[in-house]
PDB file of all heavy atoms in Angstrom:
ATOM      1  N   ALA A   1     -16.495  -6.904   3.637  1.00  0.00           N
ATOM      2  CA  ALA A   1     -16.981  -8.211   4.105  1.00  0.00           C
ATOM      3  C   ALA A   1     -17.186  -8.227   5.619  1.00  0.00           C
ATOM      4  O   ALA A   1     -17.944  -9.053   6.139  1.00  0.00           O
ATOM      5  CB  ALA A   1     -15.999  -9.306   3.700  1.00  0.00           C
ATOM      6  N   LYS A   2     -16.518  -7.294   6.309  1.00  0.00           N
ATOM      7  CA  LYS A   2     -16.674  -7.182   7.756  1.00  0.00           C
ATOM      8  C   LYS A   2     -17.721  -6.141   8.140  1.00  0.00           C
ATOM      9  O   LYS A   2     -17.859  -5.782   9.307  1.00  0.00           O
ATOM     10  CB  LYS A   2     -15.325  -6.801   8.389  1.00  0.00           C
ATOM     11  CG  LYS A   2     -14.306  -7.926   8.394  1.00  0.00           C
ATOM     12  CD  LYS A   2     -14.703  -9.023   9.371  1.00  0.00           C
ATOM     13  CE  LYS A   2     -13.640 -10.086   9.486  1.00  0.00           C
ATOM     14  NZ  LYS A   2     -14.034 -11.129  10.490  1.00  0.00           N
ATOM     15  N   GLY A   3     -18.436  -5.621   7.140  1.00  0.00           N
ATOM     16  CA  GLY A   3     -19.534  -4.704   7.410  1.00  0.00           C
ATOM     17  C   GLY A   3     -19.196  -3.232   7.296  1.00  0.00           C
ATOM     18  O   GLY A   3     -20.039  -2.380   7.596  1.00  0.00           O
ATOM     19  N   VAL A   4     -17.984  -2.894   6.853  1.00  0.00           N
ATOM     20  CA  VAL A   4     -17.607  -1.491   6.700  1.00  0.00           C
ATOM     21  C   VAL A   4     -18.218  -0.934   5.415  1.00  0.00           C
ATOM     22  O   VAL A   4     -18.162  -1.574   4.360  1.00  0.00           O
ATOM     23  CB  VAL A   4     -16.076  -1.340   6.657  1.00  0.00           C
ATOM     24  CG1 VAL A   4     -15.685   0.108   6.355  1.00  0.00           C
ATOM     25  CG2 VAL A   4     -15.455  -1.803   7.968  1.00  0.00           C
ATOM     26  N   ASP A   5     -18.806   0.255   5.503  1.00  0.00           N
ATOM     27  CA  ASP A   5     -19.353   0.922   4.323  1.00  0.00           C
ATOM     28  C   ASP A   5     -18.211   1.661   3.628  1.00  0.00           C
ATOM     29  O   ASP A   5     -17.840   2.768   4.011  1.00  0.00           O
ATOM     30  CB  ASP A   5     -20.453   1.902   4.727  1.00  0.00           C
ATOM     31  CG  ASP A   5     -21.107   2.573   3.521  1.00  0.00           C
ATOM     32  OD1 ASP A   5     -20.677   2.316   2.374  1.00  0.00           O
ATOM     33  OD2 ASP A   5     -22.043   3.377   3.731  1.00  0.00           O
ATOM     34  N   VAL A   6     -17.650   1.043   2.608  1.00  0.00           N
ATOM     35  CA  VAL A   6     -16.469   1.611   1.955  1.00  0.00           C
ATOM     36  C   VAL A   6     -16.830   2.757   1.013  1.00  0.00           C
ATOM     37  O   VAL A   6     -15.926   3.382   0.435  1.00  0.00           O
ATOM     38  CB  VAL A   6     -15.681   0.517   1.195  1.00  0.00           C
ATOM     39  CG1 VAL A   6     -15.185  -0.561   2.162  1.00  0.00           C
ATOM     40  CG2 VAL A   6     -16.519  -0.095   0.087  1.00  0.00           C
ATOM     41  N   ASP A   7     -18.095   3.030   0.839  1.00  0.00           N
ATOM     42  CA  ASP A   7     -18.524   4.161   0.017  1.00  0.00           C
ATOM     43  C   ASP A   7     -18.883   5.378   0.863  1.00  0.00           C
ATOM     44  O   ASP A   7     -19.322   6.403   0.321  1.00  0.00           O
ATOM     45  CB  ASP A   7     -19.733   3.761  -0.842  1.00  0.00           C
ATOM     46  CG  ASP A   7     -19.372   2.705  -1.875  1.00  0.00           C
ATOM     47  OD1 ASP A   7     -18.286   2.818  -2.472  1.00  0.00           O
ATOM     48  OD2 ASP A   7     -20.167   1.769  -2.074  1.00  0.00           O
ATOM     49  N   SER A   8     -18.681   5.282   2.170  1.00  0.00           N
ATOM     50  CA  SER A   8     -19.041   6.397   3.064  1.00  0.00           C
ATOM     51  C   SER A   8     -17.800   7.230   3.386  1.00  0.00           C
ATOM     52  O   SER A   8     -16.665   6.831   3.124  1.00  0.00           O
ATOM     53  CB  SER A   8     -19.634   5.846   4.368  1.00  0.00           C
ATOM     54  OG  SER A   8     -18.618   5.234   5.161  1.00  0.00           O
ATOM     55  N   ASP A   9     -18.036   8.405   3.978  1.00  0.00           N
ATOM     56  CA  ASP A   9     -16.933   9.273   4.385  1.00  0.00           C
ATOM     57  C   ASP A   9     -16.137   8.673   5.541  1.00  0.00           C
ATOM     58  O   ASP A   9     -15.020   9.124   5.825  1.00  0.00           O
ATOM     59  CB  ASP A   9     -17.453  10.652   4.794  1.00  0.00           C
ATOM     60  CG  ASP A   9     -17.871  11.483   3.590  1.00  0.00           C
ATOM     61  OD1 ASP A   9     -17.415  11.169   2.469  1.00  0.00           O
ATOM     62  OD2 ASP A   9     -18.652  12.437   3.761  1.00  0.00           O
ATOM     63  N   ALA A  10     -16.690   7.661   6.196  1.00  0.00           N
ATOM     64  CA  ALA A  10     -15.967   7.010   7.292  1.00  0.00           C
ATOM     65  C   ALA A  10     -14.821   6.147   6.774  1.00  0.00           C
ATOM     66  O   ALA A  10     -13.890   5.831   7.519  1.00  0.00           O
ATOM     67  CB  ALA A  10     -16.931   6.150   8.111  1.00  0.00           C
ATOM     68  N   PHE A  11     -14.868   5.789   5.510  1.00  0.00           N
ATOM     69  CA  PHE A  11     -13.828   4.958   4.903  1.00  0.00           C
ATOM     70  C   PHE A  11     -12.597   5.822   4.640  1.00  0.00           C
ATOM     71  O   PHE A  11     -12.670   6.827   3.922  1.00  0.00           O
ATOM     72  CB  PHE A  11     -14.353   4.352   3.594  1.00  0.00           C
ATOM     73  CG  PHE A  11     -13.366   3.467   2.879  1.00  0.00           C
ATOM     74  CD1 PHE A  11     -12.976   2.255   3.414  1.00  0.00           C
ATOM     75  CD2 PHE A  11     -12.823   3.857   1.655  1.00  0.00           C
ATOM     76  CE1 PHE A  11     -12.077   1.425   2.751  1.00  0.00           C
ATOM     77  CE2 PHE A  11     -11.932   3.046   0.981  1.00  0.00           C
ATOM     78  CZ  PHE A  11     -11.550   1.823   1.529  1.00  0.00           C
ATOM     79  N   THR A  12     -11.460   5.448   5.220  1.00  0.00           N
ATOM     80  CA  THR A  12     -10.261   6.294   5.123  1.00  0.00           C
ATOM     81  C   THR A  12      -9.089   5.634   4.388  1.00  0.00           C
ATOM     82  O   THR A  12      -8.037   6.263   4.239  1.00  0.00           O
ATOM     83  CB  THR A  12      -9.781   6.719   6.520  1.00  0.00           C
ATOM     84  OG1 THR A  12      -9.526   5.544   7.308  1.00  0.00           O
ATOM     85  CG2 THR A  12     -10.823   7.594   7.202  1.00  0.00           C
ATOM     86  N   LEU A  13      -9.254   4.416   3.920  1.00  0.00           N
ATOM     87  CA  LEU A  13      -8.157   3.785   3.199  1.00  0.00           C
ATOM     88  C   LEU A  13      -7.906   4.439   1.835  1.00  0.00           C
ATOM     89  O   LEU A  13      -6.895   4.162   1.192  1.00  0.00           O
ATOM     90  CB  LEU A  13      -8.432   2.287   2.991  1.00  0.00           C
ATOM     91  CG  LEU A  13      -8.408   1.409   4.240  1.00  0.00           C
ATOM     92  CD1 LEU A  13      -8.659  -0.045   3.862  1.00  0.00           C
ATOM     93  CD2 LEU A  13      -7.087   1.541   4.985  1.00  0.00           C
ATOM     94  N   ASN A  14      -8.823   5.314   1.424  1.00  0.00           N
ATOM     95  CA  ASN A  14      -8.656   6.010   0.140  1.00  0.00           C
ATOM     96  C   ASN A  14      -8.124   7.430   0.310  1.00  0.00           C
ATOM     97  O   ASN A  14      -8.114   8.215  -0.638  1.00  0.00           O
ATOM     98  CB  ASN A  14      -9.982   6.049  -0.626  1.00  0.00           C
ATOM     99  CG  ASN A  14     -11.058   6.825   0.117  1.00  0.00           C
ATOM    100  OD1 ASN A  14     -10.933   7.085   1.313  1.00  0.00           O
ATOM    101  ND2 ASN A  14     -12.121   7.173  -0.585  1.00  0.00           N
ATOM    102  N   GLY A  15      -7.655   7.759   1.528  1.00  0.00           N
ATOM    103  CA  GLY A  15      -7.148   9.097   1.789  1.00  0.00           C
ATOM    104  C   GLY A  15      -5.675   9.250   1.424  1.00  0.00           C
ATOM    105  O   GLY A  15      -4.998   8.285   1.042  1.00  0.00           O
ATOM    106  N   SER A  16      -5.177  10.470   1.555  1.00  0.00           N
ATOM    107  CA  SER A  16      -3.812  10.777   1.119  1.00  0.00           C
ATOM    108  C   SER A  16      -2.756  10.049   1.943  1.00  0.00           C
ATOM    109  O   SER A  16      -1.709   9.656   1.411  1.00  0.00           O
ATOM    110  CB  SER A  16      -3.572  12.286   1.190  1.00  0.00           C
ATOM    111  OG  SER A  16      -3.750  12.779   2.497  1.00  0.00           O
ATOM    112  N   TYR A  17      -3.014   9.859   3.240  1.00  0.00           N
ATOM    113  CA  TYR A  17      -2.024   9.186   4.077  1.00  0.00           C
ATOM    114  C   TYR A  17      -1.817   7.747   3.628  1.00  0.00           C
ATOM    115  O   TYR A  17      -0.690   7.292   3.434  1.00  0.00           O
ATOM    116  CB  TYR A  17      -2.447   9.234   5.547  1.00  0.00           C
ATOM    117  CG  TYR A  17      -1.472   8.512   6.462  1.00  0.00           C
ATOM    118  CD1 TYR A  17      -0.259   9.096   6.805  1.00  0.00           C
ATOM    119  CD2 TYR A  17      -1.773   7.251   6.969  1.00  0.00           C
ATOM    120  CE1 TYR A  17       0.648   8.437   7.632  1.00  0.00           C
ATOM    121  CE2 TYR A  17      -0.879   6.578   7.793  1.00  0.00           C
ATOM    122  CZ  TYR A  17       0.325   7.171   8.126  1.00  0.00           C
ATOM    123  OH  TYR A  17       1.223   6.510   8.939  1.00  0.00           O
ATOM    124  N   ARG A  18      -2.921   7.026   3.442  1.00  0.00           N
ATOM    125  CA  ARG A  18      -2.791   5.625   3.042  1.00  0.00           C
ATOM    126  C   ARG A  18      -2.280   5.525   1.607  1.00  0.00           C
ATOM    127  O   ARG A  18      -1.536   4.595   1.267  1.00  0.00           O
ATOM    128  CB  ARG A  18      -4.135   4.900   3.168  1.00  0.00           C
ATOM    129  CG  ARG A  18      -4.512   4.587   4.565  1.00  0.00           C
ATOM    130  CD  ARG A  18      -3.933   3.347   5.205  1.00  0.00           C
ATOM    131  NE  ARG A  18      -2.715   2.756   4.735  1.00  0.00           N
ATOM    132  CZ  ARG A  18      -1.618   2.619   5.487  1.00  0.00           C
ATOM    133  NH1 ARG A  18      -1.574   3.091   6.705  1.00  0.00           N
ATOM    134  NH2 ARG A  18      -0.565   2.024   5.015  1.00  0.00           N
ATOM    135  N   PHE A  19      -2.635   6.469   0.744  1.00  0.00           N
ATOM    136  CA  PHE A  19      -2.104   6.481  -0.620  1.00  0.00           C
ATOM    137  C   PHE A  19      -0.585   6.568  -0.565  1.00  0.00           C
ATOM    138  O   PHE A  19       0.130   5.818  -1.235  1.00  0.00           O
ATOM    139  CB  PHE A  19      -2.680   7.669  -1.391  1.00  0.00           C
ATOM    140  CG  PHE A  19      -2.294   7.719  -2.848  1.00  0.00           C
ATOM    141  CD1 PHE A  19      -3.118   7.138  -3.807  1.00  0.00           C
ATOM    142  CD2 PHE A  19      -1.128   8.341  -3.257  1.00  0.00           C
ATOM    143  CE1 PHE A  19      -2.770   7.187  -5.162  1.00  0.00           C
ATOM    144  CE2 PHE A  19      -0.778   8.399  -4.599  1.00  0.00           C
ATOM    145  CZ  PHE A  19      -1.595   7.807  -5.556  1.00  0.00           C
ATOM    146  N   SER A  20      -0.092   7.485   0.265  1.00  0.00           N
ATOM    147  CA  SER A  20       1.352   7.667   0.395  1.00  0.00           C
ATOM    148  C   SER A  20       2.025   6.450   1.008  1.00  0.00           C
ATOM    149  O   SER A  20       3.058   5.971   0.519  1.00  0.00           O
ATOM    150  CB  SER A  20       1.635   8.910   1.250  1.00  0.00           C
ATOM    151  OG  SER A  20       3.011   9.059   1.507  1.00  0.00           O
ATOM    152  N   GLN A  21       1.451   5.916   2.070  1.00  0.00           N
ATOM    153  CA  GLN A  21       2.060   4.775   2.745  1.00  0.00           C
ATOM    154  C   GLN A  21       2.011   3.507   1.888  1.00  0.00           C
ATOM    155  O   GLN A  21       2.954   2.715   1.880  1.00  0.00           O
ATOM    156  CB  GLN A  21       1.370   4.528   4.091  1.00  0.00           C
ATOM    157  CG  GLN A  21       1.607   5.617   5.129  1.00  0.00           C
ATOM    158  CD  GLN A  21       3.052   5.684   5.575  1.00  0.00           C
ATOM    159  OE1 GLN A  21       3.936   6.103   4.829  1.00  0.00           O
ATOM    160  NE2 GLN A  21       3.309   5.260   6.803  1.00  0.00           N
ATOM    161  N   ALA A  22       0.915   3.316   1.168  1.00  0.00           N
ATOM    162  CA  ALA A  22       0.827   2.150   0.286  1.00  0.00           C
ATOM    163  C   ALA A  22       1.832   2.259  -0.852  1.00  0.00           C
ATOM    164  O   ALA A  22       2.431   1.270  -1.280  1.00  0.00           O
ATOM    165  CB  ALA A  22      -0.594   2.018  -0.270  1.00  0.00           C
ATOM    166  N   GLN A  23       2.028   3.480  -1.342  1.00  0.00           N
ATOM    167  CA  GLN A  23       3.039   3.701  -2.370  1.00  0.00           C
ATOM    168  C   GLN A  23       4.423   3.371  -1.816  1.00  0.00           C
ATOM    169  O   GLN A  23       5.238   2.714  -2.485  1.00  0.00           O
ATOM    170  CB  GLN A  23       2.977   5.156  -2.836  1.00  0.00           C
ATOM    171  CG  GLN A  23       3.902   5.469  -4.000  1.00  0.00           C
ATOM    172  CD  GLN A  23       3.721   6.900  -4.479  1.00  0.00           C
ATOM    173  OE1 GLN A  23       3.683   7.826  -3.670  1.00  0.00           O
ATOM    174  NE2 GLN A  23       3.594   7.083  -5.772  1.00  0.00           N
ATOM    175  N   ASN A  24       4.693   3.808  -0.583  1.00  0.00           N
ATOM    176  CA  ASN A  24       5.972   3.475   0.049  1.00  0.00           C
ATOM    177  C   ASN A  24       6.158   1.968   0.154  1.00  0.00           C
ATOM    178  O   ASN A  24       7.248   1.436  -0.118  1.00  0.00           O
ATOM    179  CB  ASN A  24       6.037   4.087   1.454  1.00  0.00           C
ATOM    180  CG  ASN A  24       6.148   5.595   1.430  1.00  0.00           C
ATOM    181  OD1 ASN A  24       6.506   6.190   0.423  1.00  0.00           O
ATOM    182  ND2 ASN A  24       5.829   6.228   2.554  1.00  0.00           N
ATOM    183  N   ASP A  25       5.099   1.270   0.567  1.00  0.00           N
ATOM    184  CA  ASP A  25       5.184  -0.182   0.712  1.00  0.00           C
ATOM    185  C   ASP A  25       5.510  -0.855  -0.615  1.00  0.00           C
ATOM    186  O   ASP A  25       6.304  -1.801  -0.670  1.00  0.00           O
ATOM    187  CB  ASP A  25       3.860  -0.739   1.254  1.00  0.00           C
ATOM    188  CG  ASP A  25       3.695  -0.498   2.751  1.00  0.00           C
ATOM    189  OD1 ASP A  25       4.608   0.105   3.361  1.00  0.00           O
ATOM    190  OD2 ASP A  25       2.670  -0.927   3.300  1.00  0.00           O
ATOM    191  N   ALA A  26       4.886  -0.375  -1.686  1.00  0.00           N
ATOM    192  CA  ALA A  26       5.139  -0.952  -3.010  1.00  0.00           C
ATOM    193  C   ALA A  26       6.592  -0.748  -3.425  1.00  0.00           C
ATOM    194  O   ALA A  26       7.230  -1.651  -3.977  1.00  0.00           O
ATOM    195  CB  ALA A  26       4.197  -0.338  -4.041  1.00  0.00           C
ATOM    196  N   VAL A  27       7.126   0.442  -3.142  1.00  0.00           N
ATOM    197  CA  VAL A  27       8.521   0.736  -3.495  1.00  0.00           C
ATOM    198  C   VAL A  27       9.473  -0.126  -2.670  1.00  0.00           C
ATOM    199  O   VAL A  27      10.462  -0.651  -3.196  1.00  0.00           O
ATOM    200  CB  VAL A  27       8.825   2.231  -3.288  1.00  0.00           C
ATOM    201  CG1 VAL A  27      10.314   2.508  -3.471  1.00  0.00           C
ATOM    202  CG2 VAL A  27       8.018   3.070  -4.277  1.00  0.00           C
ATOM    203  N   LEU A  28       9.184  -0.288  -1.384  1.00  0.00           N
ATOM    204  CA  LEU A  28      10.036  -1.129  -0.539  1.00  0.00           C
ATOM    205  C   LEU A  28      10.047  -2.566  -1.038  1.00  0.00           C
ATOM    206  O   LEU A  28      11.101  -3.224  -1.078  1.00  0.00           O
ATOM    207  CB  LEU A  28       9.544  -1.077   0.908  1.00  0.00           C
ATOM    208  CG  LEU A  28       9.761   0.248   1.649  1.00  0.00           C
ATOM    209  CD1 LEU A  28       9.027   0.232   2.983  1.00  0.00           C
ATOM    210  CD2 LEU A  28      11.241   0.514   1.853  1.00  0.00           C
ATOM    211  N   ALA A  29       8.891  -3.084  -1.424  1.00  0.00           N
ATOM    212  CA  ALA A  29       8.808  -4.455  -1.938  1.00  0.00           C
ATOM    213  C   ALA A  29       9.578  -4.599  -3.242  1.00  0.00           C
ATOM    214  O   ALA A  29      10.308  -5.570  -3.457  1.00  0.00           O
ATOM    215  CB  ALA A  29       7.341  -4.850  -2.130  1.00  0.00           C
ATOM    216  N   LEU A  30       9.417  -3.605  -4.118  1.00  0.00           N
ATOM    217  CA  LEU A  30      10.139  -3.627  -5.388  1.00  0.00           C
ATOM    218  C   LEU A  30      11.648  -3.599  -5.150  1.00  0.00           C
ATOM    219  O   LEU A  30      12.406  -4.349  -5.777  1.00  0.00           O
ATOM    220  CB  LEU A  30       9.709  -2.445  -6.252  1.00  0.00           C
ATOM    221  CG  LEU A  30      10.388  -2.289  -7.618  1.00  0.00           C
ATOM    222  CD1 LEU A  30       9.440  -1.646  -8.622  1.00  0.00           C
ATOM    223  CD2 LEU A  30      11.660  -1.443  -7.528  1.00  0.00           C
ATOM    224  N   HIS A  31      12.094  -2.745  -4.239  1.00  0.00           N
ATOM    225  CA  HIS A  31      13.528  -2.638  -3.988  1.00  0.00           C
ATOM    226  C   HIS A  31      14.085  -3.935  -3.407  1.00  0.00           C
ATOM    227  O   HIS A  31      15.213  -4.340  -3.738  1.00  0.00           O
ATOM    228  CB  HIS A  31      13.806  -1.476  -3.039  1.00  0.00           C
ATOM    229  CG  HIS A  31      15.258  -1.308  -2.708  1.00  0.00           C
ATOM    230  ND1 HIS A  31      16.222  -1.101  -3.667  1.00  0.00           N
ATOM    231  CD2 HIS A  31      15.909  -1.349  -1.522  1.00  0.00           C
ATOM    232  CE1 HIS A  31      17.408  -1.003  -3.090  1.00  0.00           C
ATOM    233  NE2 HIS A  31      17.236  -1.158  -1.786  1.00  0.00           N
ATOM    234  N   ALA A  32      13.311  -4.593  -2.536  1.00  0.00           N
ATOM    235  CA  ALA A  32      13.753  -5.874  -1.994  1.00  0.00           C
ATOM    236  C   ALA A  32      13.911  -6.900  -3.111  1.00  0.00           C
ATOM    237  O   ALA A  32      14.911  -7.637  -3.166  1.00  0.00           O
ATOM    238  CB  ALA A  32      12.751  -6.369  -0.950  1.00  0.00           C
ATOM    239  N   MET A  33      12.946  -6.943  -4.018  1.00  0.00           N
ATOM    240  CA  MET A  33      13.029  -7.872  -5.146  1.00  0.00           C
ATOM    241  C   MET A  33      14.224  -7.544  -6.029  1.00  0.00           C
ATOM    242  O   MET A  33      14.965  -8.435  -6.467  1.00  0.00           O
ATOM    243  CB  MET A  33      11.738  -7.832  -5.969  1.00  0.00           C
ATOM    244  CG  MET A  33      11.771  -8.726  -7.200  1.00  0.00           C
ATOM    245  SD  MET A  33      10.262  -8.653  -8.203  1.00  0.00           S
ATOM    246  CE  MET A  33       9.192  -9.743  -7.254  1.00  0.00           C
ATOM    247  N   GLU A  34      14.426  -6.254  -6.293  1.00  0.00           N
ATOM    248  CA  GLU A  34      15.537  -5.836  -7.142  1.00  0.00           C
ATOM    249  C   GLU A  34      16.875  -6.249  -6.536  1.00  0.00           C
ATOM    250  O   GLU A  34      17.745  -6.807  -7.214  1.00  0.00           O
ATOM    251  CB  GLU A  34      15.501  -4.319  -7.336  1.00  0.00           C
ATOM    252  CG  GLU A  34      16.600  -3.793  -8.244  1.00  0.00           C
ATOM    253  CD  GLU A  34      16.925  -2.338  -8.010  1.00  0.00           C
ATOM    254  OE1 GLU A  34      16.751  -1.865  -6.863  1.00  0.00           O
ATOM    255  OE2 GLU A  34      17.369  -1.674  -8.957  1.00  0.00           O
ATOM    256  N   THR A  35      17.050  -6.002  -5.246  1.00  0.00           N
ATOM    257  CA  THR A  35      18.306  -6.347  -4.582  1.00  0.00           C
ATOM    258  C   THR A  35      18.539  -7.851  -4.607  1.00  0.00           C
ATOM    259  O   THR A  35      19.658  -8.319  -4.854  1.00  0.00           O
ATOM    260  CB  THR A  35      18.306  -5.827  -3.131  1.00  0.00           C
ATOM    261  OG1 THR A  35      18.126  -4.407  -3.144  1.00  0.00           O
ATOM    262  CG2 THR A  35      19.604  -6.160  -2.430  1.00  0.00           C
ATOM    263  N   ALA A  36      17.495  -8.623  -4.362  1.00  0.00           N
ATOM    264  CA  ALA A  36      17.619 -10.073  -4.410  1.00  0.00           C
ATOM    265  C   ALA A  36      18.021 -10.541  -5.803  1.00  0.00           C
ATOM    266  O   ALA A  36      18.859 -11.442  -5.959  1.00  0.00           O
ATOM    267  CB  ALA A  36      16.302 -10.729  -3.983  1.00  0.00           C
ATOM    268  N   ALA A  37      17.432  -9.924  -6.823  1.00  0.00           N
ATOM    269  CA  ALA A  37      17.762 -10.297  -8.195  1.00  0.00           C
ATOM    270  C   ALA A  37      19.236 -10.021  -8.493  1.00  0.00           C
ATOM    271  O   ALA A  37      19.934 -10.853  -9.081  1.00  0.00           O
ATOM    272  CB  ALA A  37      16.869  -9.540  -9.177  1.00  0.00           C
ATOM    273  N   TYR A  38      19.732  -8.859  -8.079  1.00  0.00           N
ATOM    274  CA  TYR A  38      21.146  -8.538  -8.281  1.00  0.00           C
ATOM    275  C   TYR A  38      22.040  -9.527  -7.547  1.00  0.00           C
ATOM    276  O   TYR A  38      23.097  -9.919  -8.043  1.00  0.00           O
ATOM    277  CB  TYR A  38      21.445  -7.112  -7.812  1.00  0.00           C
ATOM    278  CG  TYR A  38      21.064  -6.048  -8.806  1.00  0.00           C
ATOM    279  CD1 TYR A  38      20.114  -5.081  -8.495  1.00  0.00           C
ATOM    280  CD2 TYR A  38      21.655  -5.993 -10.063  1.00  0.00           C
ATOM    281  CE1 TYR A  38      19.758  -4.105  -9.407  1.00  0.00           C
ATOM    282  CE2 TYR A  38      21.305  -5.022 -10.983  1.00  0.00           C
ATOM    283  CZ  TYR A  38      20.364  -4.074 -10.646  1.00  0.00           C
ATOM    284  OH  TYR A  38      20.011  -3.119 -11.564  1.00  0.00           O
ATOM    285  N   SER A  39      21.626  -9.950  -6.363  1.00  0.00           N
ATOM    286  CA  SER A  39      22.445 -10.871  -5.584  1.00  0.00           C
ATOM    287  C   SER A  39      22.573 -12.226  -6.265  1.00  0.00           C
ATOM    288  O   SER A  39      23.506 -12.988  -5.985  1.00  0.00           O
ATOM    289  CB  SER A  39      21.856 -11.049  -4.180  1.00  0.00           C
ATOM    290  OG  SER A  39      20.714 -11.890  -4.192  1.00  0.00           O
ATOM    291  N   LEU A  40      21.639 -12.538  -7.162  1.00  0.00           N
ATOM    292  CA  LEU A  40      21.661 -13.811  -7.902  1.00  0.00           C
ATOM    293  C   LEU A  40      22.375 -13.674  -9.243  1.00  0.00           C
ATOM    294  O   LEU A  40      22.390 -14.620 -10.037  1.00  0.00           O
ATOM    295  CB  LEU A  40      20.225 -14.303  -8.123  1.00  0.00           C
ATOM    296  CG  LEU A  40      19.437 -14.655  -6.860  1.00  0.00           C
ATOM    297  CD1 LEU A  40      17.986 -14.959  -7.203  1.00  0.00           C
ATOM    298  CD2 LEU A  40      20.076 -15.837  -6.132  1.00  0.00           C
TER     299      LEU A  40
END
C-alpha cells in the first residue's frame, strides 16, 4: 500500500532472517499468554 513491489527481489520480509525473527516473536507471544494463563 506504500508502493513497495512485494513480488520483486527487493522485498526482504520473506527472507530467512525475518522468517526466523517472526517465528521467535510468535513463540514469545505464546509463552507470555501461557504464563498469564497459569498465573490465573
